[in-house]
């Protein structure tokens, strides 16, 4: 995964792989002093908070969404027609199928929401940050690219970092990358947001926050679990096409029957 600088800058570098001196220069930060409050506030406005933000909507609205769409409307129309002509068995069967389908989709959406909530619990609540030349503890959501931070034993890595100082650190990132054992890190290596420091102490520069981190991109995939896939979208397009064809054929058939009725009536002199 490549962390690249914003498009607004004059040039791009791979913040994961570039020489650490180039990364620091690119992020315009003094490792001995960190960012100033003014710089941090400006970058916070530009990049947003270092947090996984999920869109929420009322449960009733989510539920009603599962009854919308051309195919759903056709099925609902069939249920209404069944009720009008008194075919109540068909009506209740169609209604039951609609409700069961909506219930299954709600259950899947709820599973994705729970998984996202569990992921968010793995984020660091606080971070040790160098601002205005002084080390201070602050909420991790206020971190911005270019911040100088310190990680040590027992801490959760608060953002995607490049290590710039210290002897070494052993970091458990199994939840993100699948490695069974903690990984030994040295200067120049990357540390992922949400991983846990098992040994050592190092300083680092923030290269990515919120949804641009390795962790954030994983969370986005989980959040999109309820979103329609390309295959589903293709199926809906096919379904919509078939509905249009069916409507056109129905109109043609009705027009033909009407024409036949008029022609027969004319032949009989009615």
C-alpha atoms as a PDB file:
ATOM      1  CA  UNK A   1       0.000   0.000   0.000  1.00  0.00           C
ATOM      2  CA  UNK A   2       1.540   3.264  -1.064  1.00  0.00           C
ATOM      3  CA  UNK A   3       1.110   6.357   1.046  1.00  0.00           C
ATOM      4  CA  UNK A   4       1.443   9.302  -1.301  1.00  0.00           C
ATOM      5  CA  UNK A   5       1.420  12.982  -0.535  1.00  0.00           C
ATOM      6  CA  UNK A   6      -1.611  15.139  -1.327  1.00  0.00           C
ATOM      7  CA  UNK A   7      -2.169  16.250  -4.903  1.00  0.00           C
ATOM      8  CA  UNK A   8      -1.897  19.864  -3.838  1.00  0.00           C
ATOM      9  CA  UNK A   9       1.862  19.570  -3.274  1.00  0.00           C
ATOM     10  CA  UNK A  10       4.418  20.249  -5.958  1.00  0.00           C
ATOM     11  CA  UNK A  11       5.646  16.650  -6.208  1.00  0.00           C
ATOM     12  CA  UNK A  12       4.785  13.208  -4.906  1.00  0.00           C
ATOM     13  CA  UNK A  13       6.912  10.686  -3.088  1.00  0.00           C
ATOM     14  CA  UNK A  14       6.148   7.269  -1.694  1.00  0.00           C
ATOM     15  CA  UNK A  15       6.076   8.021   2.022  1.00  0.00           C
ATOM     16  CA  UNK A  16       6.380   4.313   2.862  1.00  0.00           C
ATOM     17  CA  UNK A  17       9.491   3.658   0.807  1.00  0.00           C
ATOM     18  CA  UNK A  18      11.298   6.989   0.355  1.00  0.00           C
ATOM     19  CA  UNK A  19      14.455   7.823   2.288  1.00  0.00           C
ATOM     20  CA  UNK A  20      13.471   8.999   5.757  1.00  0.00           C
ATOM     21  CA  UNK A  21      15.265  12.345   5.253  1.00  0.00           C
ATOM     22  CA  UNK A  22      13.175  12.965   2.141  1.00  0.00           C
ATOM     23  CA  UNK A  23      10.006  12.056   4.041  1.00  0.00           C
ATOM     24  CA  UNK A  24      10.783  14.527   6.834  1.00  0.00           C
ATOM     25  CA  UNK A  25      11.663  17.231   4.327  1.00  0.00           C
ATOM     26  CA  UNK A  26       8.525  16.568   2.338  1.00  0.00           C
ATOM     27  CA  UNK A  27       6.297  16.766   5.428  1.00  0.00           C
ATOM     28  CA  UNK A  28       7.993  20.041   6.400  1.00  0.00           C
ATOM     29  CA  UNK A  29       8.665  19.193  10.036  1.00  0.00           C
ATOM     30  CA  UNK A  30      11.649  19.663  12.353  1.00  0.00           C
ATOM     31  CA  UNK A  31      12.179  16.313  14.188  1.00  0.00           C
ATOM     32  CA  UNK A  32      13.656  18.199  17.164  1.00  0.00           C
ATOM     33  CA  UNK A  33      10.670  20.519  17.599  1.00  0.00           C
ATOM     34  CA  UNK A  34       7.714  18.926  15.881  1.00  0.00           C
ATOM     35  CA  UNK A  35       4.900  20.930  14.362  1.00  0.00           C
ATOM     36  CA  UNK A  36       3.661  24.201  15.791  1.00  0.00           C
ATOM     37  CA  UNK A  37       0.100  24.546  17.007  1.00  0.00           C
ATOM     38  CA  UNK A  38      -0.725  26.713  13.993  1.00  0.00           C
ATOM     39  CA  UNK A  39       0.700  24.137  11.565  1.00  0.00           C
ATOM     40  CA  UNK A  40      -1.185  21.331  13.265  1.00  0.00           C
ATOM     41  CA  UNK A  41      -4.480  23.203  13.161  1.00  0.00           C
ATOM     42  CA  UNK A  42      -4.012  24.014   9.490  1.00  0.00           C
ATOM     43  CA  UNK A  43      -3.287  20.384   8.649  1.00  0.00           C
ATOM     44  CA  UNK A  44      -6.175  19.181  10.785  1.00  0.00           C
ATOM     45  CA  UNK A  45      -8.536  21.308   8.699  1.00  0.00           C
ATOM     46  CA  UNK A  46      -6.973  19.930   5.532  1.00  0.00           C
ATOM     47  CA  UNK A  47      -6.820  16.219   6.402  1.00  0.00           C
ATOM     48  CA  UNK A  48      -9.577  15.909   8.998  1.00  0.00           C
ATOM     49  CA  UNK A  49      -9.439  14.087  12.348  1.00  0.00           C
ATOM     50  CA  UNK A  50      -7.429  10.898  12.787  1.00  0.00           C
ATOM     51  CA  UNK A  51     -10.518   8.754  13.340  1.00  0.00           C
ATOM     52  CA  UNK A  52     -12.598   6.194  11.475  1.00  0.00           C
ATOM     53  CA  UNK A  53     -15.874   7.965  10.776  1.00  0.00           C
ATOM     54  CA  UNK A  54     -18.795   5.780   9.737  1.00  0.00           C
ATOM     55  CA  UNK A  55     -21.999   7.144   8.300  1.00  0.00           C
ATOM     56  CA  UNK A  56     -25.015   6.311  10.406  1.00  0.00           C
ATOM     57  CA  UNK A  57     -28.693   6.383   9.547  1.00  0.00           C
ATOM     58  CA  UNK A  58     -31.856   5.340  11.407  1.00  0.00           C
ATOM     59  CA  UNK A  59     -32.702   1.624  11.404  1.00  0.00           C
ATOM     60  CA  UNK A  60     -36.132   2.305   9.885  1.00  0.00           C
ATOM     61  CA  UNK A  61     -34.529   4.112   6.961  1.00  0.00           C
ATOM     62  CA  UNK A  62     -32.127   1.221   6.364  1.00  0.00           C
ATOM     63  CA  UNK A  63     -35.062  -1.200   6.499  1.00  0.00           C
ATOM     64  CA  UNK A  64     -37.155   0.756   3.987  1.00  0.00           C
ATOM     65  CA  UNK A  65     -34.215   0.918   1.566  1.00  0.00           C
ATOM     66  CA  UNK A  66     -34.530  -2.819   1.060  1.00  0.00           C
ATOM     67  CA  UNK A  67     -37.981  -2.283  -0.479  1.00  0.00           C
ATOM     68  CA  UNK A  68     -36.790   0.133  -3.160  1.00  0.00           C
ATOM     69  CA  UNK A  69     -35.591  -0.497  -6.690  1.00  0.00           C
ATOM     70  CA  UNK A  70     -37.233  -1.559  -9.964  1.00  0.00           C
ATOM     71  CA  UNK A  71     -37.319  -5.286  -9.153  1.00  0.00           C
ATOM     72  CA  UNK A  72     -38.652  -4.664  -5.647  1.00  0.00           C
ATOM     73  CA  UNK A  73     -41.325  -2.357  -7.060  1.00  0.00           C
ATOM     74  CA  UNK A  74     -42.429  -5.055  -9.528  1.00  0.00           C
ATOM     75  CA  UNK A  75     -42.752  -7.625  -6.734  1.00  0.00           C
ATOM     76  CA  UNK A  76     -44.637  -5.138  -4.565  1.00  0.00           C
ATOM     77  CA  UNK A  77     -46.926  -4.357  -7.506  1.00  0.00           C
ATOM     78  CA  UNK A  78     -47.613  -8.090  -7.852  1.00  0.00           C
ATOM     79  CA  UNK A  79     -48.547  -8.228  -4.175  1.00  0.00           C
ATOM     80  CA  UNK A  80     -50.926  -5.266  -4.573  1.00  0.00           C
ATOM     81  CA  UNK A  81     -52.554  -6.821  -7.642  1.00  0.00           C
ATOM     82  CA  UNK A  82     -52.966 -10.116  -5.753  1.00  0.00           C
ATOM     83  CA  UNK A  83     -54.714  -8.253  -2.938  1.00  0.00           C
ATOM     84  CA  UNK A  84     -56.984  -6.333  -5.341  1.00  0.00           C
ATOM     85  CA  UNK A  85     -58.191  -9.461  -7.136  1.00  0.00           C
ATOM     86  CA  UNK A  86     -58.538 -11.354  -3.866  1.00  0.00           C
ATOM     87  CA  UNK A  87     -55.693 -13.873  -4.258  1.00  0.00           C
ATOM     88  CA  UNK A  88     -54.759 -13.599  -0.627  1.00  0.00           C
ATOM     89  CA  UNK A  89     -52.573 -16.713  -0.545  1.00  0.00           C
ATOM     90  CA  UNK A  90     -50.322 -15.211  -3.215  1.00  0.00           C
ATOM     91  CA  UNK A  91     -50.360 -11.857  -1.434  1.00  0.00           C
ATOM     92  CA  UNK A  92     -49.171 -13.272   1.896  1.00  0.00           C
ATOM     93  CA  UNK A  93     -46.496 -15.425   0.255  1.00  0.00           C
ATOM     94  CA  UNK A  94     -45.092 -12.455  -1.671  1.00  0.00           C
ATOM     95  CA  UNK A  95     -45.211 -10.232   1.413  1.00  0.00           C
ATOM     96  CA  UNK A  96     -43.470 -12.892   3.521  1.00  0.00           C
ATOM     97  CA  UNK A  97     -40.703 -13.230   0.937  1.00  0.00           C
ATOM     98  CA  UNK A  98     -40.198  -9.464   0.849  1.00  0.00           C
ATOM     99  CA  UNK A  99     -39.958  -9.267   4.651  1.00  0.00           C
ATOM    100  CA  UNK A 100     -37.587 -12.250   4.911  1.00  0.00           C
ATOM    101  CA  UNK A 101     -35.312 -10.764   2.243  1.00  0.00           C
ATOM    102  CA  UNK A 102     -35.283  -7.379   4.003  1.00  0.00           C
ATOM    103  CA  UNK A 103     -34.552  -9.092   7.334  1.00  0.00           C
ATOM    104  CA  UNK A 104     -31.576 -10.996   5.900  1.00  0.00           C
ATOM    105  CA  UNK A 105     -30.113  -7.843   4.382  1.00  0.00           C
ATOM    106  CA  UNK A 106     -30.574  -5.957   7.664  1.00  0.00           C
ATOM    107  CA  UNK A 107     -28.793  -8.775   9.492  1.00  0.00           C
ATOM    108  CA  UNK A 108     -25.861  -8.577   7.061  1.00  0.00           C
ATOM    109  CA  UNK A 109     -25.684  -4.776   7.451  1.00  0.00           C
ATOM    110  CA  UNK A 110     -25.713  -5.177  11.236  1.00  0.00           C
ATOM    111  CA  UNK A 111     -22.843  -7.676  11.109  1.00  0.00           C
ATOM    112  CA  UNK A 112     -20.765  -5.207   9.073  1.00  0.00           C
ATOM    113  CA  UNK A 113     -21.561  -2.406  11.558  1.00  0.00           C
ATOM    114  CA  UNK A 114     -20.552  -4.590  14.531  1.00  0.00           C
ATOM    115  CA  UNK A 115     -17.299  -5.582  12.832  1.00  0.00           C
ATOM    116  CA  UNK A 116     -16.506  -1.921  12.153  1.00  0.00           C
ATOM    117  CA  UNK A 117     -17.237  -1.017  15.789  1.00  0.00           C
ATOM    118  CA  UNK A 118     -14.895  -3.789  16.932  1.00  0.00           C
ATOM    119  CA  UNK A 119     -12.158  -2.472  14.643  1.00  0.00           C
ATOM    120  CA  UNK A 120     -12.593   1.074  15.960  1.00  0.00           C
ATOM    121  CA  UNK A 121     -11.969  -0.182  19.501  1.00  0.00           C
ATOM    122  CA  UNK A 122      -8.460  -1.102  18.369  1.00  0.00           C
ATOM    123  CA  UNK A 123      -7.529   2.529  17.694  1.00  0.00           C
ATOM    124  CA  UNK A 124      -5.212   4.351  20.076  1.00  0.00           C
ATOM    125  CA  UNK A 125      -7.114   6.763  22.356  1.00  0.00           C
ATOM    126  CA  UNK A 126      -4.048   8.911  23.102  1.00  0.00           C
ATOM    127  CA  UNK A 127      -0.608   9.664  21.700  1.00  0.00           C
ATOM    128  CA  UNK A 128       2.644  11.206  22.916  1.00  0.00           C
ATOM    129  CA  UNK A 129       3.319  14.061  20.503  1.00  0.00           C
ATOM    130  CA  UNK A 130       6.061  16.659  20.057  1.00  0.00           C
ATOM    131  CA  UNK A 131       4.396  20.033  19.520  1.00  0.00           C
ATOM    132  CA  UNK A 132       6.048  23.454  19.812  1.00  0.00           C
ATOM    133  CA  UNK A 133       9.258  21.736  20.958  1.00  0.00           C
ATOM    134  CA  UNK A 134       7.596  20.007  23.934  1.00  0.00           C
ATOM    135  CA  UNK A 135       6.392  16.441  24.434  1.00  0.00           C
ATOM    136  CA  UNK A 136       2.760  16.220  25.449  1.00  0.00           C
ATOM    137  CA  UNK A 137      -0.036  13.678  25.693  1.00  0.00           C
ATOM    138  CA  UNK A 138      -3.037  14.397  23.513  1.00  0.00           C
ATOM    139  CA  UNK A 139      -5.997  12.598  21.971  1.00  0.00           C
ATOM    140  CA  UNK A 140      -4.887  10.560  18.962  1.00  0.00           C
ATOM    141  CA  UNK A 141      -7.676  11.891  16.744  1.00  0.00           C
ATOM    142  CA  UNK A 142      -5.875  15.269  16.639  1.00  0.00           C
ATOM    143  CA  UNK A 143      -2.769  13.823  14.985  1.00  0.00           C
ATOM    144  CA  UNK A 144      -1.890  15.070  11.504  1.00  0.00           C
ATOM    145  CA  UNK A 145       0.674  14.038   8.867  1.00  0.00           C
ATOM    146  CA  UNK A 146       4.058  15.434   9.902  1.00  0.00           C
ATOM    147  CA  UNK A 147       3.515  15.089  13.654  1.00  0.00           C
ATOM    148  CA  UNK A 148       6.460  13.650  15.590  1.00  0.00           C
ATOM    149  CA  UNK A 149       5.296  10.985  18.031  1.00  0.00           C
ATOM    150  CA  UNK A 150       6.837   8.594  20.536  1.00  0.00           C
ATOM    151  CA  UNK A 151       5.849   4.932  20.814  1.00  0.00           C
ATOM    152  CA  UNK A 152       6.872   2.589  23.627  1.00  0.00           C
ATOM    153  CA  UNK A 153       6.025  -0.677  25.353  1.00  0.00           C
ATOM    154  CA  UNK A 154       2.288  -1.300  25.681  1.00  0.00           C
ATOM    155  CA  UNK A 155       1.185   1.557  23.428  1.00  0.00           C
ATOM    156  CA  UNK A 156      -1.098   1.255  20.413  1.00  0.00           C
ATOM    157  CA  UNK A 157       0.449   2.852  17.340  1.00  0.00           C
ATOM    158  CA  UNK A 158      -1.779   5.929  16.794  1.00  0.00           C
ATOM    159  CA  UNK A 159      -1.326   6.397  13.009  1.00  0.00           C
ATOM    160  CA  UNK A 160       0.783   5.096  10.140  1.00  0.00           C
ATOM    161  CA  UNK A 161       4.359   6.075  10.987  1.00  0.00           C
ATOM    162  CA  UNK A 162       7.927   6.027   9.718  1.00  0.00           C
ATOM    163  CA  UNK A 163      10.389   5.422  12.564  1.00  0.00           C
ATOM    164  CA  UNK A 164      13.066   8.115  12.798  1.00  0.00           C
ATOM    165  CA  UNK A 165      14.819   7.637  16.167  1.00  0.00           C
ATOM    166  CA  UNK A 166      15.601   5.169  18.931  1.00  0.00           C
ATOM    167  CA  UNK A 167      17.242   1.742  19.145  1.00  0.00           C
ATOM    168  CA  UNK A 168      14.437  -0.575  18.093  1.00  0.00           C
ATOM    169  CA  UNK A 169      10.831  -1.548  18.698  1.00  0.00           C
ATOM    170  CA  UNK A 170       9.051  -4.888  18.533  1.00  0.00           C
ATOM    171  CA  UNK A 171       5.517  -4.424  17.208  1.00  0.00           C
ATOM    172  CA  UNK A 172       2.644  -6.898  17.061  1.00  0.00           C
ATOM    173  CA  UNK A 173       0.768  -6.227  13.810  1.00  0.00           C
ATOM    174  CA  UNK A 174      -0.780  -9.691  13.432  1.00  0.00           C
ATOM    175  CA  UNK A 175      -4.317  -8.303  13.372  1.00  0.00           C
ATOM    176  CA  UNK A 176      -3.434  -6.250  10.288  1.00  0.00           C
ATOM    177  CA  UNK A 177      -0.872  -8.271   8.354  1.00  0.00           C
ATOM    178  CA  UNK A 178      -1.287 -11.809   9.708  1.00  0.00           C
ATOM    179  CA  UNK A 179       2.259 -12.268  11.035  1.00  0.00           C
ATOM    180  CA  UNK A 180       2.256 -14.718  13.926  1.00  0.00           C
ATOM    181  CA  UNK A 181       5.102 -13.033  15.835  1.00  0.00           C
ATOM    182  CA  UNK A 182       5.910  -9.397  16.688  1.00  0.00           C
ATOM    183  CA  UNK A 183       8.059  -7.686  14.041  1.00  0.00           C
ATOM    184  CA  UNK A 184      11.339  -6.029  15.026  1.00  0.00           C
ATOM    185  CA  UNK A 185      11.478  -2.487  13.675  1.00  0.00           C
ATOM    186  CA  UNK A 186      14.392  -0.145  13.106  1.00  0.00           C
ATOM    187  CA  UNK A 187      14.861   3.415  11.885  1.00  0.00           C
ATOM    188  CA  UNK A 188      13.240   3.861   8.485  1.00  0.00           C
ATOM    189  CA  UNK A 189      10.680   1.096   8.956  1.00  0.00           C
ATOM    190  CA  UNK A 190       6.937   1.685   8.984  1.00  0.00           C
ATOM    191  CA  UNK A 191       4.560   1.084  11.875  1.00  0.00           C
ATOM    192  CA  UNK A 192       0.861   0.619  11.182  1.00  0.00           C
ATOM    193  CA  UNK A 193      -1.982   2.288  13.041  1.00  0.00           C
ATOM    194  CA  UNK A 194      -3.672  -0.118  15.453  1.00  0.00           C
ATOM    195  CA  UNK A 195      -0.629  -2.359  15.972  1.00  0.00           C
ATOM    196  CA  UNK A 196       0.758  -2.806  19.497  1.00  0.00           C
ATOM    197  CA  UNK A 197       4.283  -2.092  20.747  1.00  0.00           C
ATOM    198  CA  UNK A 198       5.611  -5.136  22.623  1.00  0.00           C
ATOM    199  CA  UNK A 199       9.180  -3.971  23.282  1.00  0.00           C
ATOM    200  CA  UNK A 200      11.377  -0.918  22.935  1.00  0.00           C
ATOM    201  CA  UNK A 201      10.832   2.790  22.458  1.00  0.00           C
ATOM    202  CA  UNK A 202      11.219   4.895  19.313  1.00  0.00           C
ATOM    203  CA  UNK A 203      10.228   8.223  17.821  1.00  0.00           C
ATOM    204  CA  UNK A 204       8.441   8.449  14.493  1.00  0.00           C
ATOM    205  CA  UNK A 205       6.832  10.817  12.020  1.00  0.00           C
ATOM    206  CA  UNK A 206       3.163  10.455  11.046  1.00  0.00           C
ATOM    207  CA  UNK A 207       2.748   9.734   7.329  1.00  0.00           C
ATOM    208  CA  UNK A 208      -0.979   8.907   7.184  1.00  0.00           C
ATOM    209  CA  UNK A 209      -4.063   9.360   9.356  1.00  0.00           C
ATOM    210  CA  UNK A 210      -7.751   8.305   9.489  1.00  0.00           C
ATOM    211  CA  UNK A 211      -8.993   6.479   6.382  1.00  0.00           C
ATOM    212  CA  UNK A 212      -5.639   6.755   4.600  1.00  0.00           C
ATOM    213  CA  UNK A 213      -3.901   4.392   7.034  1.00  0.00           C
ATOM    214  CA  UNK A 214      -3.530   0.645   6.507  1.00  0.00           C
ATOM    215  CA  UNK A 215      -6.014   0.198   9.361  1.00  0.00           C
ATOM    216  CA  UNK A 216      -8.403   2.796   7.919  1.00  0.00           C
ATOM    217  CA  UNK A 217      -8.473   1.145   4.509  1.00  0.00           C
ATOM    218  CA  UNK A 218      -9.239  -2.183   6.162  1.00  0.00           C
ATOM    219  CA  UNK A 219     -12.090  -0.541   8.075  1.00  0.00           C
ATOM    220  CA  UNK A 220     -13.435   0.912   4.820  1.00  0.00           C
ATOM    221  CA  UNK A 221     -13.573  -2.569   3.311  1.00  0.00           C
ATOM    222  CA  UNK A 222     -15.532  -3.794   6.331  1.00  0.00           C
ATOM    223  CA  UNK A 223     -17.869  -0.795   6.161  1.00  0.00           C
ATOM    224  CA  UNK A 224     -18.532  -1.482   2.494  1.00  0.00           C
ATOM    225  CA  UNK A 225     -19.560  -5.090   3.188  1.00  0.00           C
ATOM    226  CA  UNK A 226     -23.219  -4.118   2.816  1.00  0.00           C
ATOM    227  CA  UNK A 227     -22.598  -2.164  -0.371  1.00  0.00           C
ATOM    228  CA  UNK A 228     -23.672  -3.801  -3.602  1.00  0.00           C
ATOM    229  CA  UNK A 229     -20.842  -5.542  -5.446  1.00  0.00           C
ATOM    230  CA  UNK A 230     -20.141  -5.138  -9.156  1.00  0.00           C
ATOM    231  CA  UNK A 231     -21.767  -8.513  -9.772  1.00  0.00           C
ATOM    232  CA  UNK A 232     -24.905  -7.430  -7.922  1.00  0.00           C
ATOM    233  CA  UNK A 233     -24.995  -4.160  -9.861  1.00  0.00           C
ATOM    234  CA  UNK A 234     -24.708  -6.128 -13.105  1.00  0.00           C
ATOM    235  CA  UNK A 235     -27.570  -8.380 -12.025  1.00  0.00           C
ATOM    236  CA  UNK A 236     -29.721  -5.347 -11.249  1.00  0.00           C
ATOM    237  CA  UNK A 237     -28.954  -3.895 -14.674  1.00  0.00           C
ATOM    238  CA  UNK A 238     -29.983  -7.166 -16.298  1.00  0.00           C
ATOM    239  CA  UNK A 239     -33.115  -7.265 -14.150  1.00  0.00           C
ATOM    240  CA  UNK A 240     -34.000  -3.698 -15.087  1.00  0.00           C
ATOM    241  CA  UNK A 241     -33.469  -4.501 -18.768  1.00  0.00           C
ATOM    242  CA  UNK A 242     -35.750  -7.535 -18.524  1.00  0.00           C
ATOM    243  CA  UNK A 243     -38.392  -5.450 -16.754  1.00  0.00           C
ATOM    244  CA  UNK A 244     -38.309  -2.873 -19.551  1.00  0.00           C
ATOM    245  CA  UNK A 245     -38.559  -5.622 -22.174  1.00  0.00           C
ATOM    246  CA  UNK A 246     -41.471  -7.219 -20.304  1.00  0.00           C
ATOM    247  CA  UNK A 247     -43.314  -3.891 -20.087  1.00  0.00           C
ATOM    248  CA  UNK A 248     -42.769  -3.224 -23.806  1.00  0.00           C
ATOM    249  CA  UNK A 249     -44.013  -6.708 -24.726  1.00  0.00           C
ATOM    250  CA  UNK A 250     -47.029  -6.280 -22.444  1.00  0.00           C
ATOM    251  CA  UNK A 251     -47.877  -2.963 -24.091  1.00  0.00           C
ATOM    252  CA  UNK A 252     -47.538  -4.547 -27.543  1.00  0.00           C
ATOM    253  CA  UNK A 253     -49.750  -7.475 -26.540  1.00  0.00           C
ATOM    254  CA  UNK A 254     -52.417  -5.184 -25.055  1.00  0.00           C
ATOM    255  CA  UNK A 255     -52.298  -2.949 -28.134  1.00  0.00           C
ATOM    256  CA  UNK A 256     -52.625  -6.006 -30.391  1.00  0.00           C
ATOM    257  CA  UNK A 257     -55.599  -7.337 -28.404  1.00  0.00           C
ATOM    258  CA  UNK A 258     -57.275  -3.949 -28.527  1.00  0.00           C
ATOM    259  CA  UNK A 259     -56.643  -3.738 -32.287  1.00  0.00           C
ATOM    260  CA  UNK A 260     -58.054  -7.254 -32.776  1.00  0.00           C
ATOM    261  CA  UNK A 261     -61.134  -6.380 -30.752  1.00  0.00           C
ATOM    262  CA  UNK A 262     -61.706  -3.215 -32.798  1.00  0.00           C
ATOM    263  CA  UNK A 263     -61.106  -5.081 -36.073  1.00  0.00           C
ATOM    264  CA  UNK A 264     -63.508  -7.911 -35.137  1.00  0.00           C
ATOM    265  CA  UNK A 265     -66.141  -5.424 -34.022  1.00  0.00           C
ATOM    266  CA  UNK A 266     -65.744  -3.580 -37.350  1.00  0.00           C
ATOM    267  CA  UNK A 267     -66.048  -6.813 -39.364  1.00  0.00           C
ATOM    268  CA  UNK A 268     -69.260  -7.686 -37.569  1.00  0.00           C
ATOM    269  CA  UNK A 269     -70.566  -4.214 -38.042  1.00  0.00           C
ATOM    270  CA  UNK A 270     -70.801  -3.586 -34.331  1.00  0.00           C
END
